[in-house]
PDB file of N, CA and C in Angstrom:
ATOM      1  N   MET A   1      29.743   4.329   6.400  1.00  0.00           N
ATOM      2  CA  MET A   1      29.278   4.285   5.027  1.00  0.00           C
ATOM      3  C   MET A   1      30.423   4.687   4.105  1.00  0.00           C
ATOM      4  N   HIS A   2      30.557   3.982   3.012  1.00  0.00           N
ATOM      5  CA  HIS A   2      31.573   4.311   2.027  1.00  0.00           C
ATOM      6  C   HIS A   2      31.030   5.373   1.088  1.00  0.00           C
ATOM      7  N   PRO A   3      31.814   6.413   0.797  1.00  0.00           N
ATOM      8  CA  PRO A   3      31.297   7.492  -0.063  1.00  0.00           C
ATOM      9  C   PRO A   3      30.907   6.996  -1.448  1.00  0.00           C
ATOM     10  N   GLN A   4      31.559   5.933  -1.947  1.00  0.00           N
ATOM     11  CA  GLN A   4      31.266   5.475  -3.299  1.00  0.00           C
ATOM     12  C   GLN A   4      29.914   4.758  -3.397  1.00  0.00           C
ATOM     13  N   THR A   5      29.297   4.397  -2.276  1.00  0.00           N
ATOM     14  CA  THR A   5      28.006   3.704  -2.339  1.00  0.00           C
ATOM     15  C   THR A   5      26.836   4.677  -2.431  1.00  0.00           C
ATOM     16  N   TYR A   6      27.054   5.948  -2.096  1.00  0.00           N
ATOM     17  CA  TYR A   6      26.006   6.974  -2.166  1.00  0.00           C
ATOM     18  C   TYR A   6      24.754   6.558  -1.401  1.00  0.00           C
ATOM     19  N   GLY A   7      24.912   5.817  -0.319  1.00  0.00           N
ATOM     20  CA  GLY A   7      23.764   5.417   0.482  1.00  0.00           C
ATOM     21  C   GLY A   7      22.919   4.319  -0.136  1.00  0.00           C
ATOM     22  N   GLN A   8      23.453   3.600  -1.129  1.00  0.00           N
ATOM     23  CA  GLN A   8      22.674   2.573  -1.816  1.00  0.00           C
ATOM     24  C   GLN A   8      22.247   1.455  -0.870  1.00  0.00           C
ATOM     25  N   THR A   9      23.111   1.100   0.065  1.00  0.00           N
ATOM     26  CA  THR A   9      22.762   0.037   1.018  1.00  0.00           C
ATOM     27  C   THR A   9      21.561   0.452   1.850  1.00  0.00           C
ATOM     28  N   GLU A  10      21.561   1.685   2.313  1.00  0.00           N
ATOM     29  CA  GLU A  10      20.455   2.172   3.127  1.00  0.00           C
ATOM     30  C   GLU A  10      19.164   2.207   2.313  1.00  0.00           C
ATOM     31  N   VAL A  11      19.254   2.642   1.054  1.00  0.00           N
ATOM     32  CA  VAL A  11      18.069   2.691   0.188  1.00  0.00           C
ATOM     33  C   VAL A  11      17.532   1.284  -0.042  1.00  0.00           C
ATOM     34  N   THR A  12      18.428   0.341  -0.315  1.00  0.00           N
ATOM     35  CA  THR A  12      18.014  -1.048  -0.527  1.00  0.00           C
ATOM     36  C   THR A  12      17.350  -1.602   0.724  1.00  0.00           C
ATOM     37  N   ASN A  13      17.958  -1.367   1.875  1.00  0.00           N
ATOM     38  CA  ASN A  13      17.376  -1.860   3.128  1.00  0.00           C
ATOM     39  C   ASN A  13      15.992  -1.269   3.369  1.00  0.00           C
ATOM     40  N   ARG A  14      15.821   0.022   3.077  1.00  0.00           N
ATOM     41  CA  ARG A  14      14.500   0.647   3.242  1.00  0.00           C
ATOM     42  C   ARG A  14      13.476  -0.001   2.329  1.00  0.00           C
ATOM     43  N   LYS A  15      13.872  -0.279   1.068  1.00  0.00           N
ATOM     44  CA  LYS A  15      12.936  -0.907   0.128  1.00  0.00           C
ATOM     45  C   LYS A  15      12.547  -2.307   0.595  1.00  0.00           C
ATOM     46  N   VAL A  16      13.517  -3.068   1.063  1.00  0.00           N
ATOM     47  CA  VAL A  16      13.233  -4.426   1.547  1.00  0.00           C
ATOM     48  C   VAL A  16      12.322  -4.364   2.762  1.00  0.00           C
ATOM     49  N   LEU A  17      12.609  -3.455   3.698  1.00  0.00           N
ATOM     50  CA  LEU A  17      11.765  -3.316   4.887  1.00  0.00           C
ATOM     51  C   LEU A  17      10.345  -2.882   4.526  1.00  0.00           C
ATOM     52  N   LYS A  18      10.230  -1.968   3.568  1.00  0.00           N
ATOM     53  CA  LYS A  18       8.900  -1.531   3.134  1.00  0.00           C
ATOM     54  C   LYS A  18       8.138  -2.704   2.525  1.00  0.00           C
ATOM     55  N   GLY A  19       8.833  -3.497   1.685  1.00  0.00           N
ATOM     56  CA  GLY A  19       8.199  -4.674   1.098  1.00  0.00           C
ATOM     57  C   GLY A  19       7.787  -5.682   2.151  1.00  0.00           C
ATOM     58  N   LEU A  20       8.656  -5.884   3.149  1.00  0.00           N
ATOM     59  CA  LEU A  20       8.319  -6.808   4.236  1.00  0.00           C
ATOM     60  C   LEU A  20       7.098  -6.334   5.011  1.00  0.00           C
ATOM     61  N   LYS A  21       7.065  -5.047   5.344  1.00  0.00           N
ATOM     62  CA  LYS A  21       5.927  -4.519   6.096  1.00  0.00           C
ATOM     63  C   LYS A  21       4.636  -4.698   5.321  1.00  0.00           C
ATOM     64  N   THR A  22       4.682  -4.432   4.010  1.00  0.00           N
ATOM     65  CA  THR A  22       3.500  -4.585   3.169  1.00  0.00           C
ATOM     66  C   THR A  22       3.040  -6.035   3.146  1.00  0.00           C
ATOM     67  N   HIS A  23       3.981  -6.956   2.953  1.00  0.00           N
ATOM     68  CA  HIS A  23       3.632  -8.370   2.881  1.00  0.00           C
ATOM     69  C   HIS A  23       3.243  -8.937   4.243  1.00  0.00           C
ATOM     70  N   LEU A  24       3.849  -8.421   5.316  1.00  0.00           N
ATOM     71  CA  LEU A  24       3.533  -8.928   6.650  1.00  0.00           C
ATOM     72  C   LEU A  24       2.097  -8.619   7.044  1.00  0.00           C
ATOM     73  N   GLU A  25       1.612  -7.458   6.622  1.00  0.00           N
ATOM     74  CA  GLU A  25       0.232  -7.119   6.932  1.00  0.00           C
ATOM     75  C   GLU A  25      -0.715  -8.139   6.315  1.00  0.00           C
ATOM     76  N   LYS A  26      -0.381  -8.598   5.112  1.00  0.00           N
ATOM     77  CA  LYS A  26      -1.220  -9.589   4.430  1.00  0.00           C
ATOM     78  C   LYS A  26      -0.990 -10.997   4.963  1.00  0.00           C
ATOM     79  N   ALA A  27       0.241 -11.295   5.373  1.00  0.00           N
ATOM     80  CA  ALA A  27       0.599 -12.660   5.782  1.00  0.00           C
ATOM     81  C   ALA A  27       0.416 -12.904   7.276  1.00  0.00           C
ATOM     82  N   GLY A  28       0.049 -11.906   8.020  1.00  0.00           N
ATOM     83  CA  GLY A  28      -0.170 -12.084   9.446  1.00  0.00           C
ATOM     84  C   GLY A  28       1.098 -12.317  10.238  1.00  0.00           C
ATOM     85  N   GLY A  29       2.196 -11.699   9.863  1.00  0.00           N
ATOM     86  CA  GLY A  29       3.420 -11.785  10.644  1.00  0.00           C
ATOM     87  C   GLY A  29       4.348 -12.929  10.293  1.00  0.00           C
ATOM     88  N   GLN A  30       4.102 -13.649   9.231  1.00  0.00           N
ATOM     89  CA  GLN A  30       4.963 -14.763   8.819  1.00  0.00           C
ATOM     90  C   GLN A  30       6.135 -14.239   7.994  1.00  0.00           C
ATOM     91  N   TRP A  31       6.989 -13.402   8.588  1.00  0.00           N
ATOM     92  CA  TRP A  31       8.035 -12.712   7.831  1.00  0.00           C
ATOM     93  C   TRP A  31       9.071 -13.662   7.263  1.00  0.00           C
ATOM     94  N   VAL A  32       9.332 -14.776   7.913  1.00  0.00           N
ATOM     95  CA  VAL A  32      10.336 -15.713   7.411  1.00  0.00           C
ATOM     96  C   VAL A  32       9.924 -16.253   6.046  1.00  0.00           C
ATOM     97  N   GLU A  33       8.653 -16.582   5.913  1.00  0.00           N
ATOM     98  CA  GLU A  33       8.155 -17.096   4.640  1.00  0.00           C
ATOM     99  C   GLU A  33       8.110 -16.007   3.567  1.00  0.00           C
ATOM    100  N   GLU A  34       7.920 -14.765   3.963  1.00  0.00           N
ATOM    101  CA  GLU A  34       7.775 -13.671   3.003  1.00  0.00           C
ATOM    102  C   GLU A  34       9.099 -13.040   2.584  1.00  0.00           C
ATOM    103  N   LEU A  35      10.154 -13.211   3.372  1.00  0.00           N
ATOM    104  CA  LEU A  35      11.432 -12.561   3.068  1.00  0.00           C
ATOM    105  C   LEU A  35      11.941 -12.936   1.678  1.00  0.00           C
ATOM    106  N   HIS A  36      11.878 -14.208   1.330  1.00  0.00           N
ATOM    107  CA  HIS A  36      12.343 -14.651   0.018  1.00  0.00           C
ATOM    108  C   HIS A  36      11.580 -13.939  -1.105  1.00  0.00           C
ATOM    109  N   ASN A  37      10.266 -13.831  -0.960  1.00  0.00           N
ATOM    110  CA  ASN A  37       9.453 -13.171  -1.987  1.00  0.00           C
ATOM    111  C   ASN A  37       9.805 -11.692  -2.126  1.00  0.00           C
ATOM    112  N   VAL A  38      10.016 -11.036  -0.992  1.00  0.00           N
ATOM    113  CA  VAL A  38      10.356  -9.611  -1.022  1.00  0.00           C
ATOM    114  C   VAL A  38      11.711  -9.405  -1.699  1.00  0.00           C
ATOM    115  N   LEU A  39      12.702 -10.222  -1.331  1.00  0.00           N
ATOM    116  CA  LEU A  39      14.031 -10.090  -1.938  1.00  0.00           C
ATOM    117  C   LEU A  39      13.994 -10.410  -3.427  1.00  0.00           C
ATOM    118  N   TRP A  40      13.242 -11.448  -3.800  1.00  0.00           N
ATOM    119  CA  TRP A  40      13.129 -11.807  -5.215  1.00  0.00           C
ATOM    120  C   TRP A  40      12.494 -10.660  -6.004  1.00  0.00           C
ATOM    121  N   THR A  41      11.463 -10.057  -5.439  1.00  0.00           N
ATOM    122  CA  THR A  41      10.809  -8.919  -6.091  1.00  0.00           C
ATOM    123  C   THR A  41      11.794  -7.775  -6.284  1.00  0.00           C
ATOM    124  N   TYR A  42      12.578  -7.483  -5.258  1.00  0.00           N
ATOM    125  CA  TYR A  42      13.556  -6.399  -5.364  1.00  0.00           C
ATOM    126  C   TYR A  42      14.594  -6.706  -6.444  1.00  0.00           C
ATOM    127  N   HIS A  43      15.116  -7.930  -6.446  1.00  0.00           N
ATOM    128  CA  HIS A  43      16.182  -8.283  -7.390  1.00  0.00           C
ATOM    129  C   HIS A  43      15.722  -8.357  -8.832  1.00  0.00           C
ATOM    130  N   THR A  44      14.423  -8.508  -9.058  1.00  0.00           N
ATOM    131  CA  THR A  44      13.929  -8.646 -10.427  1.00  0.00           C
ATOM    132  C   THR A  44      13.138  -7.430 -10.900  1.00  0.00           C
ATOM    133  N   THR A  45      13.215  -6.339 -10.148  1.00  0.00           N
ATOM    134  CA  THR A  45      12.538  -5.104 -10.515  1.00  0.00           C
ATOM    135  C   THR A  45      13.570  -4.065 -10.938  1.00  0.00           C
ATOM    136  N   SER A  46      13.316  -3.411 -12.047  1.00  0.00           N
ATOM    137  CA  SER A  46      14.225  -2.375 -12.536  1.00  0.00           C
ATOM    138  C   SER A  46      14.319  -1.248 -11.517  1.00  0.00           C
ATOM    139  N   GLN A  47      15.541  -0.819 -11.232  1.00  0.00           N
ATOM    140  CA  GLN A  47      15.783   0.223 -10.241  1.00  0.00           C
ATOM    141  C   GLN A  47      15.973   1.575 -10.944  1.00  0.00           C
ATOM    142  N   THR A  48      15.445   2.622 -10.361  1.00  0.00           N
ATOM    143  CA  THR A  48      15.503   3.951 -10.956  1.00  0.00           C
ATOM    144  C   THR A  48      16.931   4.427 -11.243  1.00  0.00           C
ATOM    145  N   PRO A  49      17.851   4.362 -10.293  1.00  0.00           N
ATOM    146  CA  PRO A  49      19.184   4.914 -10.579  1.00  0.00           C
ATOM    147  C   PRO A  49      19.934   4.201 -11.706  1.00  0.00           C
ATOM    148  N   THR A  50      19.791   2.876 -11.810  1.00  0.00           N
ATOM    149  CA  THR A  50      20.571   2.131 -12.802  1.00  0.00           C
ATOM    150  C   THR A  50      19.798   1.876 -14.081  1.00  0.00           C
ATOM    151  N   GLY A  51      18.477   1.828 -13.998  1.00  0.00           N
ATOM    152  CA  GLY A  51      17.677   1.467 -15.156  1.00  0.00           C
ATOM    153  C   GLY A  51      17.735  -0.026 -15.445  1.00  0.00           C
ATOM    154  N   GLU A  52      18.319  -0.793 -14.558  1.00  0.00           N
ATOM    155  CA  GLU A  52      18.486  -2.241 -14.724  1.00  0.00           C
ATOM    156  C   GLU A  52      17.978  -2.949 -13.478  1.00  0.00           C
ATOM    157  N   THR A  53      17.735  -4.251 -13.615  1.00  0.00           N
ATOM    158  CA  THR A  53      17.416  -5.049 -12.437  1.00  0.00           C
ATOM    159  C   THR A  53      18.718  -5.501 -11.801  1.00  0.00           C
ATOM    160  N   PRO A  54      18.771  -5.611 -10.476  1.00  0.00           N
ATOM    161  CA  PRO A  54      19.981  -6.144  -9.849  1.00  0.00           C
ATOM    162  C   PRO A  54      20.328  -7.540 -10.373  1.00  0.00           C
ATOM    163  N   TYR A  55      19.318  -8.344 -10.696  1.00  0.00           N
ATOM    164  CA  TYR A  55      19.541  -9.687 -11.240  1.00  0.00           C
ATOM    165  C   TYR A  55      20.314  -9.595 -12.555  1.00  0.00           C
ATOM    166  N   ASN A  56      19.911  -8.687 -13.427  1.00  0.00           N
ATOM    167  CA  ASN A  56      20.583  -8.527 -14.721  1.00  0.00           C
ATOM    168  C   ASN A  56      22.019  -8.049 -14.536  1.00  0.00           C
ATOM    169  N   LEU A  57      22.238  -7.118 -13.622  1.00  0.00           N
ATOM    170  CA  LEU A  57      23.598  -6.628 -13.392  1.00  0.00           C
ATOM    171  C   LEU A  57      24.498  -7.718 -12.823  1.00  0.00           C
ATOM    172  N   CYS A  58      23.913  -8.638 -12.083  1.00  0.00           N
ATOM    173  CA  CYS A  58      24.698  -9.716 -11.487  1.00  0.00           C
ATOM    174  C   CYS A  58      24.936 -10.859 -12.468  1.00  0.00           C
ATOM    175  N   PHE A  59      23.885 -11.297 -13.159  1.00  0.00           N
ATOM    176  CA  PHE A  59      23.972 -12.505 -13.982  1.00  0.00           C
ATOM    177  C   PHE A  59      24.028 -12.243 -15.476  1.00  0.00           C
ATOM    178  N   GLY A  60      23.813 -11.007 -15.899  1.00  0.00           N
ATOM    179  CA  GLY A  60      23.925 -10.676 -17.314  1.00  0.00           C
ATOM    180  C   GLY A  60      22.732 -11.083 -18.148  1.00  0.00           C
ATOM    181  N   THR A  61      21.620 -11.367 -17.521  1.00  0.00           N
ATOM    182  CA  THR A  61      20.406 -11.732 -18.252  1.00  0.00           C
ATOM    183  C   THR A  61      19.192 -11.426 -17.391  1.00  0.00           C
ATOM    184  N   GLU A  62      18.064 -11.247 -18.041  1.00  0.00           N
ATOM    185  CA  GLU A  62      16.837 -11.030 -17.286  1.00  0.00           C
ATOM    186  C   GLU A  62      16.292 -12.378 -16.835  1.00  0.00           C
ATOM    187  N   VAL A  63      15.583 -12.367 -15.746  1.00  0.00           N
ATOM    188  CA  VAL A  63      15.013 -13.589 -15.187  1.00  0.00           C
ATOM    189  C   VAL A  63      13.792 -14.010 -16.015  1.00  0.00           C
ATOM    190  N   VAL A  64      13.578 -15.309 -16.125  1.00  0.00           N
ATOM    191  CA  VAL A  64      12.373 -15.839 -16.744  1.00  0.00           C
ATOM    192  C   VAL A  64      11.489 -16.354 -15.611  1.00  0.00           C
ATOM    193  N   PHE A  65      10.337 -15.742 -15.460  1.00  0.00           N
ATOM    194  CA  PHE A  65       9.431 -16.098 -14.382  1.00  0.00           C
ATOM    195  C   PHE A  65       8.661 -17.369 -14.727  1.00  0.00           C
ATOM    196  N   PRO A  66       8.277 -18.156 -13.726  1.00  0.00           N
ATOM    197  CA  PRO A  66       7.507 -19.376 -13.997  1.00  0.00           C
ATOM    198  C   PRO A  66       6.230 -19.115 -14.789  1.00  0.00           C
ATOM    199  N   THR A  67       5.575 -17.973 -14.556  1.00  0.00           N
ATOM    200  CA  THR A  67       4.365 -17.676 -15.323  1.00  0.00           C
ATOM    201  C   THR A  67       4.683 -17.462 -16.791  1.00  0.00           C
ATOM    202  N   ASP A  68       5.895 -16.969 -17.097  1.00  0.00           N
ATOM    203  CA  ASP A  68       6.292 -16.798 -18.489  1.00  0.00           C
ATOM    204  C   ASP A  68       6.422 -18.144 -19.187  1.00  0.00           C
ATOM    205  N   ILE A  69       6.766 -19.171 -18.430  1.00  0.00           N
ATOM    206  CA  ILE A  69       6.925 -20.498 -19.010  1.00  0.00           C
ATOM    207  C   ILE A  69       5.567 -21.180 -19.147  1.00  0.00           C
ATOM    208  N   LYS A  70       4.705 -21.036 -18.138  1.00  0.00           N
ATOM    209  CA  LYS A  70       3.396 -21.695 -18.155  1.00  0.00           C
ATOM    210  C   LYS A  70       2.445 -21.066 -19.166  1.00  0.00           C
ATOM    211  N   VAL A  71       2.482 -19.748 -19.289  1.00  0.00           N
ATOM    212  CA  VAL A  71       1.614 -19.046 -20.220  1.00  0.00           C
ATOM    213  C   VAL A  71       2.390 -18.852 -21.519  1.00  0.00           C
ATOM    214  N   PRO A  72       1.979 -19.519 -22.593  1.00  0.00           N
ATOM    215  CA  PRO A  72       2.749 -19.412 -23.835  1.00  0.00           C
ATOM    216  C   PRO A  72       2.829 -17.967 -24.337  1.00  0.00           C
ATOM    217  N   ASN A  73       4.034 -17.525 -24.589  1.00  0.00           N
ATOM    218  CA  ASN A  73       4.261 -16.210 -25.172  1.00  0.00           C
ATOM    219  C   ASN A  73       5.340 -16.365 -26.244  1.00  0.00           C
ATOM    220  N   PRO A  74       5.534 -15.380 -27.095  1.00  0.00           N
ATOM    221  CA  PRO A  74       6.482 -15.544 -28.210  1.00  0.00           C
ATOM    222  C   PRO A  74       7.882 -16.009 -27.816  1.00  0.00           C
ATOM    223  N   PRO A  75       8.530 -15.430 -26.778  1.00  0.00           N
ATOM    224  CA  PRO A  75       9.866 -15.925 -26.455  1.00  0.00           C
ATOM    225  C   PRO A  75       9.884 -17.397 -26.036  1.00  0.00           C
ATOM    226  N   VAL A  76       8.840 -17.837 -25.335  1.00  0.00           N
ATOM    227  CA  VAL A  76       8.786 -19.232 -24.904  1.00  0.00           C
ATOM    228  C   VAL A  76       8.466 -20.142 -26.087  1.00  0.00           C
ATOM    229  N   LYS A  77       7.548 -19.714 -26.940  1.00  0.00           N
ATOM    230  CA  LYS A  77       7.153 -20.522 -28.099  1.00  0.00           C
ATOM    231  C   LYS A  77       8.308 -20.711 -29.078  1.00  0.00           C
ATOM    232  N   THR A  78       9.137 -19.697 -29.227  1.00  0.00           N
ATOM    233  CA  THR A  78      10.208 -19.758 -30.233  1.00  0.00           C
ATOM    234  C   THR A  78      11.564 -20.112 -29.631  1.00  0.00           C
ATOM    235  N   PHE A  79      11.575 -20.613 -28.403  1.00  0.00           N
ATOM    236  CA  PHE A  79      12.829 -20.932 -27.717  1.00  0.00           C
ATOM    237  C   PHE A  79      13.610 -21.997 -28.480  1.00  0.00           C
ATOM    238  N   ASN A  80      14.909 -21.720 -28.662  1.00  0.00           N
ATOM    239  CA  ASN A  80      15.821 -22.668 -29.307  1.00  0.00           C
ATOM    240  C   ASN A  80      17.073 -22.711 -28.445  1.00  0.00           C
ATOM    241  N   LEU A  81      17.431 -23.885 -27.956  1.00  0.00           N
ATOM    242  CA  LEU A  81      18.531 -24.027 -27.008  1.00  0.00           C
ATOM    243  C   LEU A  81      19.852 -23.516 -27.582  1.00  0.00           C
ATOM    244  N   ASP A  82      20.164 -23.848 -28.826  1.00  0.00           N
ATOM    245  CA  ASP A  82      21.434 -23.414 -29.427  1.00  0.00           C
ATOM    246  C   ASP A  82      21.498 -21.900 -29.575  1.00  0.00           C
ATOM    247  N   ILE A  83      20.431 -21.320 -30.079  1.00  0.00           N
ATOM    248  CA  ILE A  83      20.386 -19.859 -30.252  1.00  0.00           C
ATOM    249  C   ILE A  83      20.442 -19.179 -28.891  1.00  0.00           C
ATOM    250  N   ASN A  84      19.737 -19.756 -27.909  1.00  0.00           N
ATOM    251  CA  ASN A  84      19.730 -19.189 -26.566  1.00  0.00           C
ATOM    252  C   ASN A  84      21.143 -19.162 -25.981  1.00  0.00           C
ATOM    253  N   GLU A  85      21.898 -20.252 -26.140  1.00  0.00           N
ATOM    254  CA  GLU A  85      23.265 -20.283 -25.622  1.00  0.00           C
ATOM    255  C   GLU A  85      24.127 -19.209 -26.266  1.00  0.00           C
ATOM    256  N   LYS A  86      24.002 -19.042 -27.573  1.00  0.00           N
ATOM    257  CA  LYS A  86      24.782 -18.010 -28.276  1.00  0.00           C
ATOM    258  C   LYS A  86      24.427 -16.618 -27.757  1.00  0.00           C
ATOM    259  N   LYS A  87      23.121 -16.371 -27.587  1.00  0.00           N
ATOM    260  CA  LYS A  87      22.688 -15.056 -27.110  1.00  0.00           C
ATOM    261  C   LYS A  87      23.146 -14.814 -25.671  1.00  0.00           C
ATOM    262  N   LEU A  88      23.101 -15.855 -24.843  1.00  0.00           N
ATOM    263  CA  LEU A  88      23.575 -15.700 -23.458  1.00  0.00           C
ATOM    264  C   LEU A  88      25.060 -15.366 -23.428  1.00  0.00           C
ATOM    265  N   ARG A  89      25.838 -16.012 -24.276  1.00  0.00           N
ATOM    266  CA  ARG A  89      27.275 -15.706 -24.345  1.00  0.00           C
ATOM    267  C   ARG A  89      27.504 -14.270 -24.815  1.00  0.00           C
ATOM    268  N   GLN A  90      26.710 -13.816 -25.787  1.00  0.00           N
ATOM    269  CA  GLN A  90      26.824 -12.433 -26.254  1.00  0.00           C
ATOM    270  C   GLN A  90      26.474 -11.467 -25.124  1.00  0.00           C
ATOM    271  N   GLN A  91      25.406 -11.776 -24.371  1.00  0.00           N
ATOM    272  CA  GLN A  91      25.012 -10.903 -23.267  1.00  0.00           C
ATOM    273  C   GLN A  91      26.096 -10.861 -22.193  1.00  0.00           C
ATOM    274  N   LEU A  92      26.717 -11.994 -21.926  1.00  0.00           N
ATOM    275  CA  LEU A  92      27.796 -12.008 -20.937  1.00  0.00           C
ATOM    276  C   LEU A  92      28.985 -11.182 -21.412  1.00  0.00           C
ATOM    277  N   ASP A  93      29.240 -11.201 -22.729  1.00  0.00           N
ATOM    278  CA  ASP A  93      30.308 -10.361 -23.273  1.00  0.00           C
ATOM    279  C   ASP A  93      29.977  -8.879 -23.110  1.00  0.00           C
ATOM    280  N   LEU A  94      28.683  -8.546 -23.175  1.00  0.00           N
ATOM    281  CA  LEU A  94      28.254  -7.149 -23.064  1.00  0.00           C
ATOM    282  C   LEU A  94      28.052  -6.697 -21.620  1.00  0.00           C
ATOM    283  N   LEU A  95      28.111  -7.626 -20.671  1.00  0.00           N
ATOM    284  CA  LEU A  95      27.838  -7.292 -19.276  1.00  0.00           C
ATOM    285  C   LEU A  95      28.710  -6.154 -18.735  1.00  0.00           C
ATOM    286  N   PRO A  96      30.010  -6.107 -19.024  1.00  0.00           N
ATOM    287  CA  PRO A  96      30.791  -4.961 -18.524  1.00  0.00           C
ATOM    288  C   PRO A  96      30.257  -3.620 -19.038  1.00  0.00           C
ATOM    289  N   GLU A  97      29.823  -3.582 -20.298  1.00  0.00           N
ATOM    290  CA  GLU A  97      29.267  -2.339 -20.831  1.00  0.00           C
ATOM    291  C   GLU A  97      27.945  -1.995 -20.159  1.00  0.00           C
ATOM    292  N   ILE A  98      27.115  -3.008 -19.912  1.00  0.00           N
ATOM    293  CA  ILE A  98      25.838  -2.777 -19.233  1.00  0.00           C
ATOM    294  C   ILE A  98      26.093  -2.218 -17.836  1.00  0.00           C
ATOM    295  N   ARG A  99      27.080  -2.768 -17.153  1.00  0.00           N
ATOM    296  CA  ARG A  99      27.419  -2.276 -15.808  1.00  0.00           C
ATOM    297  C   ARG A  99      27.988  -0.867 -15.874  1.00  0.00           C
ATOM    298  N   ASP A 100      28.791  -0.570 -16.907  1.00  0.00           N
ATOM    299  CA  ASP A 100      29.324   0.786 -17.055  1.00  0.00           C
ATOM    300  C   ASP A 100      28.201   1.795 -17.263  1.00  0.00           C
ATOM    301  N   VAL A 101      27.239   1.441 -18.114  1.00  0.00           N
ATOM    302  CA  VAL A 101      26.101   2.333 -18.354  1.00  0.00           C
ATOM    303  C   VAL A 101      25.301   2.516 -17.072  1.00  0.00           C
ATOM    304  N   ALA A 102      25.098   1.428 -16.324  1.00  0.00           N
ATOM    305  CA  ALA A 102      24.378   1.532 -15.049  1.00  0.00           C
ATOM    306  C   ALA A 102      25.134   2.433 -14.076  1.00  0.00           C
ATOM    307  N   HIS A 103      26.464   2.311 -14.059  1.00  0.00           N
ATOM    308  CA  HIS A 103      27.277   3.164 -13.188  1.00  0.00           C
ATOM    309  C   HIS A 103      27.127   4.634 -13.586  1.00  0.00           C
ATOM    310  N   LEU A 104      27.125   4.914 -14.880  1.00  0.00           N
ATOM    311  CA  LEU A 104      26.927   6.291 -15.343  1.00  0.00           C
ATOM    312  C   LEU A 104      25.549   6.809 -14.949  1.00  0.00           C
ATOM    313  N   ARG A 105      24.533   5.943 -15.046  1.00  0.00           N
ATOM    314  CA  ARG A 105      23.182   6.353 -14.650  1.00  0.00           C
ATOM    315  C   ARG A 105      23.122   6.670 -13.163  1.00  0.00           C
ATOM    316  N   VAL A 106      23.784   5.847 -12.346  1.00  0.00           N
ATOM    317  CA  VAL A 106      23.805   6.090 -10.902  1.00  0.00           C
ATOM    318  C   VAL A 106      24.507   7.410 -10.603  1.00  0.00           C
ATOM    319  N   THR A 107      25.635   7.637 -11.258  1.00  0.00           N
ATOM    320  CA  THR A 107      26.371   8.888 -11.058  1.00  0.00           C
ATOM    321  C   THR A 107      25.512  10.084 -11.440  1.00  0.00           C
ATOM    322  N   SER A 108      24.839   9.986 -12.592  1.00  0.00           N
ATOM    323  CA  SER A 108      23.958  11.059 -13.039  1.00  0.00           C
ATOM    324  C   SER A 108      22.801  11.261 -12.065  1.00  0.00           C
ATOM    325  N   TYR A 109      22.237  10.168 -11.607  1.00  0.00           N
ATOM    326  CA  TYR A 109      21.131  10.219 -10.642  1.00  0.00           C
ATOM    327  C   TYR A 109      21.578  10.921  -9.358  1.00  0.00           C
ATOM    328  N   CYS A 110      22.748  10.548  -8.859  1.00  0.00           N
ATOM    329  CA  CYS A 110      23.268  11.158  -7.631  1.00  0.00           C
ATOM    330  C   CYS A 110      23.527  12.643  -7.824  1.00  0.00           C
ATOM    331  N   GLN A 111      24.027  13.027  -8.992  1.00  0.00           N
ATOM    332  CA  GLN A 111      24.272  14.444  -9.274  1.00  0.00           C
ATOM    333  C   GLN A 111      22.962  15.217  -9.325  1.00  0.00           C
ATOM    334  N   ARG A 112      21.919  14.607  -9.926  1.00  0.00           N
ATOM    335  CA  ARG A 112      20.614  15.275  -9.976  1.00  0.00           C
ATOM    336  C   ARG A 112      20.050  15.463  -8.574  1.00  0.00           C
ATOM    337  N   ILE A 113      20.166  14.431  -7.741  1.00  0.00           N
ATOM    338  CA  ILE A 113      19.673  14.517  -6.361  1.00  0.00           C
ATOM    339  C   ILE A 113      20.441  15.596  -5.599  1.00  0.00           C
ATOM    340  N   ALA A 114      21.768  15.609  -5.754  1.00  0.00           N
ATOM    341  CA  ALA A 114      22.590  16.615  -5.067  1.00  0.00           C
ATOM    342  C   ALA A 114      22.218  18.018  -5.534  1.00  0.00           C
ATOM    343  N   PHE A 115      21.970  18.172  -6.837  1.00  0.00           N
ATOM    344  CA  PHE A 115      21.586  19.474  -7.370  1.00  0.00           C
ATOM    345  C   PHE A 115      20.246  19.913  -6.797  1.00  0.00           C
ATOM    346  N   LYS A 116      19.277  18.971  -6.723  1.00  0.00           N
ATOM    347  CA  LYS A 116      17.967  19.314  -6.163  1.00  0.00           C
ATOM    348  C   LYS A 116      18.093  19.711  -4.696  1.00  0.00           C
ATOM    349  N   GLU A 117      18.944  19.010  -3.945  1.00  0.00           N
ATOM    350  CA  GLU A 117      19.145  19.356  -2.542  1.00  0.00           C
ATOM    351  C   GLU A 117      19.809  20.717  -2.408  1.00  0.00           C
ATOM    352  N   LEU A 118      20.772  20.998  -3.269  1.00  0.00           N
ATOM    353  CA  LEU A 118      21.444  22.293  -3.257  1.00  0.00           C
ATOM    354  C   LEU A 118      20.460  23.400  -3.605  1.00  0.00           C
ATOM    355  N   LEU A 119      19.645  23.149  -4.600  1.00  0.00           N
ATOM    356  CA  LEU A 119      18.637  24.123  -5.014  1.00  0.00           C
ATOM    357  C   LEU A 119      17.634  24.375  -3.889  1.00  0.00           C
ATOM    358  N   ALA A 120      17.182  23.310  -3.237  1.00  0.00           N
ATOM    359  CA  ALA A 120      16.242  23.463  -2.129  1.00  0.00           C
ATOM    360  C   ALA A 120      16.866  24.230  -0.974  1.00  0.00           C
ATOM    361  N   THR A 121      18.146  23.989  -0.702  1.00  0.00           N
ATOM    362  CA  THR A 121      18.840  24.688   0.372  1.00  0.00           C
ATOM    363  C   THR A 121      18.978  26.172   0.046  1.00  0.00           C
ATOM    364  N   SER A 122      19.295  26.480  -1.211  1.00  0.00           N
ATOM    365  CA  SER A 122      19.486  27.869  -1.594  1.00  0.00           C
ATOM    366  C   SER A 122      18.155  28.628  -1.602  1.00  0.00           C
ATOM    367  N   ILE A 123      17.069  27.939  -1.881  1.00  0.00           N
ATOM    368  CA  ILE A 123      15.743  28.581  -1.856  1.00  0.00           C
ATOM    369  C   ILE A 123      15.336  28.906  -0.422  1.00  0.00           C
ATOM    370  N   GLU A 124      15.681  28.003   0.515  1.00  0.00           N
ATOM    371  CA  GLU A 124      15.327  28.210   1.917  1.00  0.00           C
ATOM    372  C   GLU A 124      16.082  29.392   2.510  1.00  0.00           C
ATOM    373  N   GLU A 125      17.277  29.669   2.005  1.00  0.00           N
ATOM    374  CA  GLU A 125      18.096  30.752   2.575  1.00  0.00           C
ATOM    375  C   GLU A 125      17.617  32.047   2.077  1.00  0.00           C
TER     376      GLU A 125
END
């Protein structure tokens, strides 16, 4: 394990496995069909340490779900291709800052966890 990952890979794997186990109970063991859904759910859900979705950190925008398109809502009703392109370019320009803020949140989160572990250890002694 690399020290700079703070166990993020292990946490991600646990979340994916938990999602698979939950979905497998409902799907009767069809894990191949459910894996895509579990991964998509993970990538489009805001994570506690970063405050962002992995999809947003990777692509610089939030995902638009098919239900958002089928069910009319204000962003879909007022969609304008030209304005959307400009906003996407602005978001891509801001992506390094969004990632920096997410990195600071992860660092802060790790420090809080380490402090809680230190506090728990000192209480036990």
